[in-house]
Amino acid sequence: MAETVGIREVYLKPGDFCFGEGLLRIKTLLGSCVAIILWHPLLAHGGMCHYMLPSRNQPRGNLAPKGKYADEAMELFMVELRKRHTVPAQYQVNVYGGGNMFSERSGPKDIGSQNIEMAHRMLEKYGFTLSYDHLGSFGRRTIDFDVWSGEVRLVHVDHRKTAG
């Protein structure tokens, strides 16, 4: 990968959110968490969230939305779209993660599965159309998103295949 002078790199930890334009590269590492990437191909801006849980277990009250929760991360995206006078239909949407980090016996409602289900629910609620996903399975994923071009690089390591 050739490096371009002036690239700003942002590494998202669990619960982080980033949206911008220009020479911005957003990176993250996922297990059971989910990353949603929005990219506007005409205006070359976009962002990524790295949420940990589908939603809070209690009412938020007056607290600002946090990227830790899927429903609140989508609120953060919508704030950015309103600032830019754009609408969900204009964006390409990629979703990654939701891996099962424990065992094949964790069951259908492990946290990764819950996060995946919520991603689909939130995208539908806000009127986004999914362009690409890489969800579920086992192990971890690294994601690099170049905002200026919309290019996303994915590396998926299935820990069941590397254990041993």
C-alpha atoms as a PDB file:
ATOM      1  CA  MET A   1       0.000   0.000   0.000  1.00  0.00           C
ATOM      2  CA  ALA A   2       1.591   3.261  -1.109  1.00  0.00           C
ATOM      3  CA  GLU A   3       1.528   6.002   1.512  1.00  0.00           C
ATOM      4  CA  THR A   4       0.161   9.398   0.607  1.00  0.00           C
ATOM      5  CA  VAL A   5       1.697  12.438   2.295  1.00  0.00           C
ATOM      6  CA  GLY A   6      -0.672  14.186   4.658  1.00  0.00           C
ATOM      7  CA  ILE A   7      -2.993  11.312   5.537  1.00  0.00           C
ATOM      8  CA  ARG A   8      -4.635  11.718   8.935  1.00  0.00           C
ATOM      9  CA  GLU A   9      -5.166   8.334  10.576  1.00  0.00           C
ATOM     10  CA  VAL A  10      -7.789   7.846  13.246  1.00  0.00           C
ATOM     11  CA  TYR A  11      -7.942   4.585  15.179  1.00  0.00           C
ATOM     12  CA  LEU A  12     -11.391   3.821  16.587  1.00  0.00           C
ATOM     13  CA  LYS A  13     -11.524   2.025  19.896  1.00  0.00           C
ATOM     14  CA  PRO A  14     -14.764   0.346  20.994  1.00  0.00           C
ATOM     15  CA  GLY A  15     -17.434   3.011  21.359  1.00  0.00           C
ATOM     16  CA  ASP A  16     -15.691   5.553  19.096  1.00  0.00           C
ATOM     17  CA  PHE A  17     -17.172   7.446  16.152  1.00  0.00           C
ATOM     18  CA  CYS A  18     -15.502   9.453  13.394  1.00  0.00           C
ATOM     19  CA  PHE A  19     -16.871  11.328  10.380  1.00  0.00           C
ATOM     20  CA  GLY A  20     -14.938  13.571   8.007  1.00  0.00           C
ATOM     21  CA  GLU A  21     -13.477  14.267   4.608  1.00  0.00           C
ATOM     22  CA  GLY A  22     -10.157  14.765   2.883  1.00  0.00           C
ATOM     23  CA  LEU A  23      -7.124  12.575   3.411  1.00  0.00           C
ATOM     24  CA  LEU A  24      -8.617  10.721   6.350  1.00  0.00           C
ATOM     25  CA  ARG A  25      -8.092   7.022   7.057  1.00  0.00           C
ATOM     26  CA  ILE A  26     -10.235   5.453   9.771  1.00  0.00           C
ATOM     27  CA  LYS A  27      -9.087   2.128  11.230  1.00  0.00           C
ATOM     28  CA  THR A  28     -10.466  -0.298  13.773  1.00  0.00           C
ATOM     29  CA  LEU A  29     -10.242  -3.848  15.108  1.00  0.00           C
ATOM     30  CA  LEU A  30     -13.474  -5.795  15.660  1.00  0.00           C
ATOM     31  CA  GLY A  31     -14.514  -8.926  17.488  1.00  0.00           C
ATOM     32  CA  SER A  32     -18.159  -9.108  18.521  1.00  0.00           C
ATOM     33  CA  CYS A  33     -18.473  -5.338  18.003  1.00  0.00           C
ATOM     34  CA  VAL A  34     -19.808  -3.955  14.721  1.00  0.00           C
ATOM     35  CA  ALA A  35     -18.482  -1.178  12.502  1.00  0.00           C
ATOM     36  CA  ILE A  36     -20.797   0.682  10.168  1.00  0.00           C
ATOM     37  CA  ILE A  37     -19.170   2.696   7.395  1.00  0.00           C
ATOM     38  CA  LEU A  38     -21.021   5.386   5.459  1.00  0.00           C
ATOM     39  CA  TRP A  39     -19.444   6.924   2.353  1.00  0.00           C
ATOM     40  CA  HIS A  40     -20.827   9.568   0.004  1.00  0.00           C
ATOM     41  CA  PRO A  41     -19.292   8.793  -3.426  1.00  0.00           C
ATOM     42  CA  LEU A  42     -20.000  12.213  -4.975  1.00  0.00           C
ATOM     43  CA  LEU A  43     -18.879  14.373  -2.050  1.00  0.00           C
ATOM     44  CA  ALA A  44     -16.124  11.985  -0.862  1.00  0.00           C
ATOM     45  CA  HIS A  45     -16.896  12.211   2.824  1.00  0.00           C
ATOM     46  CA  GLY A  46     -17.904   9.553   5.273  1.00  0.00           C
ATOM     47  CA  GLY A  47     -17.438   7.968   8.622  1.00  0.00           C
ATOM     48  CA  MET A  48     -17.292   4.904  10.773  1.00  0.00           C
ATOM     49  CA  CYS A  49     -18.695   3.871  14.119  1.00  0.00           C
ATOM     50  CA  HIS A  50     -17.462   1.012  16.294  1.00  0.00           C
ATOM     51  CA  TYR A  51     -20.298   0.042  18.578  1.00  0.00           C
ATOM     52  CA  MET A  52     -20.156  -2.540  21.342  1.00  0.00           C
ATOM     53  CA  LEU A  53     -23.798  -3.108  22.282  1.00  0.00           C
ATOM     54  CA  PRO A  54     -27.196  -2.857  20.573  1.00  0.00           C
ATOM     55  CA  SER A  55     -28.571  -0.281  23.047  1.00  0.00           C
ATOM     56  CA  ARG A  56     -28.467   0.926  26.649  1.00  0.00           C
ATOM     57  CA  ASN A  57     -30.286  -1.089  29.287  1.00  0.00           C
ATOM     58  CA  GLN A  58     -31.836   2.060  30.741  1.00  0.00           C
ATOM     59  CA  PRO A  59     -33.228   5.352  29.444  1.00  0.00           C
ATOM     60  CA  ARG A  60     -30.580   7.850  28.336  1.00  0.00           C
ATOM     61  CA  GLY A  61     -32.313  10.909  29.741  1.00  0.00           C
ATOM     62  CA  ASN A  62     -30.428  14.107  28.889  1.00  0.00           C
ATOM     63  CA  LEU A  63     -27.144  12.357  28.122  1.00  0.00           C
ATOM     64  CA  ALA A  64     -25.620  12.892  24.674  1.00  0.00           C
ATOM     65  CA  PRO A  65     -25.616   9.869  22.352  1.00  0.00           C
ATOM     66  CA  LYS A  66     -22.566   7.618  22.601  1.00  0.00           C
ATOM     67  CA  GLY A  67     -20.985   5.524  19.882  1.00  0.00           C
ATOM     68  CA  LYS A  68     -20.877   2.597  22.289  1.00  0.00           C
ATOM     69  CA  TYR A  69     -24.475   1.688  21.389  1.00  0.00           C
ATOM     70  CA  ALA A  70     -25.808   0.901  17.889  1.00  0.00           C
ATOM     71  CA  ASP A  71     -28.932   3.036  18.149  1.00  0.00           C
ATOM     72  CA  GLU A  72     -26.978   6.023  19.463  1.00  0.00           C
ATOM     73  CA  ALA A  73     -24.197   5.626  16.884  1.00  0.00           C
ATOM     74  CA  MET A  74     -26.872   5.908  14.191  1.00  0.00           C
ATOM     75  CA  GLU A  75     -28.054   9.137  15.813  1.00  0.00           C
ATOM     76  CA  LEU A  76     -24.482  10.448  15.528  1.00  0.00           C
ATOM     77  CA  PHE A  77     -24.429   9.533  11.832  1.00  0.00           C
ATOM     78  CA  MET A  78     -27.711  11.351  11.273  1.00  0.00           C
ATOM     79  CA  VAL A  79     -26.332  14.515  12.907  1.00  0.00           C
ATOM     80  CA  GLU A  80     -23.437  14.417  10.410  1.00  0.00           C
ATOM     81  CA  LEU A  81     -25.792  13.901   7.458  1.00  0.00           C
ATOM     82  CA  ARG A  82     -27.943  16.857   8.527  1.00  0.00           C
ATOM     83  CA  LYS A  83     -24.823  19.067   8.853  1.00  0.00           C
ATOM     84  CA  ARG A  84     -23.930  18.175   5.265  1.00  0.00           C
ATOM     85  CA  HIS A  85     -27.502  18.451   3.902  1.00  0.00           C
ATOM     86  CA  THR A  86     -27.421  14.870   2.649  1.00  0.00           C
ATOM     87  CA  VAL A  87     -29.799  11.923   3.012  1.00  0.00           C
ATOM     88  CA  PRO A  88     -29.248   8.194   3.680  1.00  0.00           C
ATOM     89  CA  ALA A  89     -30.032   7.147   0.081  1.00  0.00           C
ATOM     90  CA  GLN A  90     -26.912   9.001  -1.122  1.00  0.00           C
ATOM     91  CA  TYR A  91     -24.503   6.830   0.877  1.00  0.00           C
ATOM     92  CA  GLN A  92     -22.790   3.534   0.294  1.00  0.00           C
ATOM     93  CA  VAL A  93     -23.027   1.479   3.476  1.00  0.00           C
ATOM     94  CA  ASN A  94     -20.717  -1.296   4.620  1.00  0.00           C
ATOM     95  CA  VAL A  95     -21.118  -3.273   7.839  1.00  0.00           C
ATOM     96  CA  TYR A  96     -18.467  -5.466   9.452  1.00  0.00           C
ATOM     97  CA  GLY A  97     -18.020  -7.540  12.589  1.00  0.00           C
ATOM     98  CA  GLY A  98     -20.380  -9.268  14.956  1.00  0.00           C
ATOM     99  CA  GLY A  99     -18.028 -12.190  15.296  1.00  0.00           C
ATOM    100  CA  ASN A 100     -18.544 -14.928  17.847  1.00  0.00           C
ATOM    101  CA  MET A 101     -15.508 -14.652  20.092  1.00  0.00           C
ATOM    102  CA  PHE A 102     -16.053 -17.668  22.313  1.00  0.00           C
ATOM    103  CA  SER A 103     -17.254 -21.007  20.992  1.00  0.00           C
ATOM    104  CA  GLU A 104     -19.616 -22.598  18.573  1.00  0.00           C
ATOM    105  CA  ARG A 105     -21.856 -23.337  21.562  1.00  0.00           C
ATOM    106  CA  SER A 106     -22.451 -19.681  22.465  1.00  0.00           C
ATOM    107  CA  GLY A 107     -25.884 -19.870  20.896  1.00  0.00           C
ATOM    108  CA  PRO A 108     -27.814 -17.787  18.397  1.00  0.00           C
ATOM    109  CA  LYS A 109     -28.132 -14.755  20.700  1.00  0.00           C
ATOM    110  CA  ASP A 110     -24.480 -14.110  21.531  1.00  0.00           C
ATOM    111  CA  ILE A 111     -23.578 -10.396  21.593  1.00  0.00           C
ATOM    112  CA  GLY A 112     -22.180 -10.511  18.050  1.00  0.00           C
ATOM    113  CA  SER A 113     -25.501 -11.810  16.723  1.00  0.00           C
ATOM    114  CA  GLN A 114     -27.393  -9.155  18.667  1.00  0.00           C
ATOM    115  CA  ASN A 115     -25.121  -6.448  17.235  1.00  0.00           C
ATOM    116  CA  ILE A 116     -25.662  -7.715  13.680  1.00  0.00           C
ATOM    117  CA  GLU A 117     -29.424  -7.798  14.149  1.00  0.00           C
ATOM    118  CA  MET A 118     -29.406  -4.233  15.454  1.00  0.00           C
ATOM    119  CA  ALA A 119     -27.263  -2.984  12.542  1.00  0.00           C
ATOM    120  CA  HIS A 120     -29.829  -4.268  10.056  1.00  0.00           C
ATOM    121  CA  ARG A 121     -32.687  -2.825  12.094  1.00  0.00           C
ATOM    122  CA  MET A 122     -31.051   0.632  12.363  1.00  0.00           C
ATOM    123  CA  LEU A 123     -30.123   0.810   8.666  1.00  0.00           C
ATOM    124  CA  GLU A 124     -33.691  -0.012   7.708  1.00  0.00           C
ATOM    125  CA  LYS A 125     -35.140   2.444  10.232  1.00  0.00           C
ATOM    126  CA  TYR A 126     -33.118   5.359   8.834  1.00  0.00           C
ATOM    127  CA  GLY A 127     -33.511   4.425   5.163  1.00  0.00           C
ATOM    128  CA  PHE A 128     -29.980   3.282   4.333  1.00  0.00           C
ATOM    129  CA  THR A 129     -29.333   0.592   1.722  1.00  0.00           C
ATOM    130  CA  LEU A 130     -26.631  -1.924   2.538  1.00  0.00           C
ATOM    131  CA  SER A 131     -23.891  -2.106  -0.114  1.00  0.00           C
ATOM    132  CA  TYR A 132     -21.656  -4.760   1.476  1.00  0.00           C
ATOM    133  CA  ASP A 133     -21.341  -6.714   4.691  1.00  0.00           C
ATOM    134  CA  HIS A 134     -18.907  -9.137   6.262  1.00  0.00           C
ATOM    135  CA  LEU A 135     -20.610 -10.315   9.433  1.00  0.00           C
ATOM    136  CA  GLY A 136     -20.719 -13.130  11.930  1.00  0.00           C
ATOM    137  CA  SER A 137     -18.479 -16.162  11.848  1.00  0.00           C
ATOM    138  CA  PHE A 138     -15.646 -16.375  14.365  1.00  0.00           C
ATOM    139  CA  GLY A 139     -12.572 -14.337  15.117  1.00  0.00           C
ATOM    140  CA  ARG A 140     -11.497 -10.770  14.566  1.00  0.00           C
ATOM    141  CA  ARG A 141     -11.464  -8.277  11.714  1.00  0.00           C
ATOM    142  CA  THR A 142      -9.281  -5.289  11.006  1.00  0.00           C
ATOM    143  CA  ILE A 143     -10.835  -2.542   8.910  1.00  0.00           C
ATOM    144  CA  ASP A 144      -9.110   0.383   7.151  1.00  0.00           C
ATOM    145  CA  PHE A 145     -11.370   2.953   5.464  1.00  0.00           C
ATOM    146  CA  ASP A 146      -9.907   5.640   3.184  1.00  0.00           C
ATOM    147  CA  VAL A 147     -12.502   8.397   3.264  1.00  0.00           C
ATOM    148  CA  TRP A 148     -11.101  10.243   0.225  1.00  0.00           C
ATOM    149  CA  SER A 149     -11.661   7.232  -2.075  1.00  0.00           C
ATOM    150  CA  GLY A 150     -14.192   5.048  -0.272  1.00  0.00           C
ATOM    151  CA  GLU A 151     -11.771   2.111  -0.335  1.00  0.00           C
ATOM    152  CA  VAL A 152     -12.149  -0.345   2.534  1.00  0.00           C
ATOM    153  CA  ARG A 153      -9.585  -3.002   3.385  1.00  0.00           C
ATOM    154  CA  LEU A 154     -10.647  -5.972   5.471  1.00  0.00           C
ATOM    155  CA  VAL A 155      -8.550  -8.663   7.117  1.00  0.00           C
ATOM    156  CA  HIS A 156     -10.508 -11.448   8.831  1.00  0.00           C
ATOM    157  CA  VAL A 157      -8.742 -13.934  11.097  1.00  0.00           C
ATOM    158  CA  ASP A 158     -10.855 -16.914  12.167  1.00  0.00           C
ATOM    159  CA  HIS A 159      -9.312 -18.018  15.463  1.00  0.00           C
ATOM    160  CA  ARG A 160     -10.697 -21.545  15.029  1.00  0.00           C
ATOM    161  CA  LYS A 161      -8.441 -22.016  11.998  1.00  0.00           C
ATOM    162  CA  THR A 162      -5.334 -20.501  13.599  1.00  0.00           C
ATOM    163  CA  ALA A 163      -5.565 -22.207  17.011  1.00  0.00           C
ATOM    164  CA  GLY A 164      -3.528 -25.154  17.557  1.00  0.00           C
END
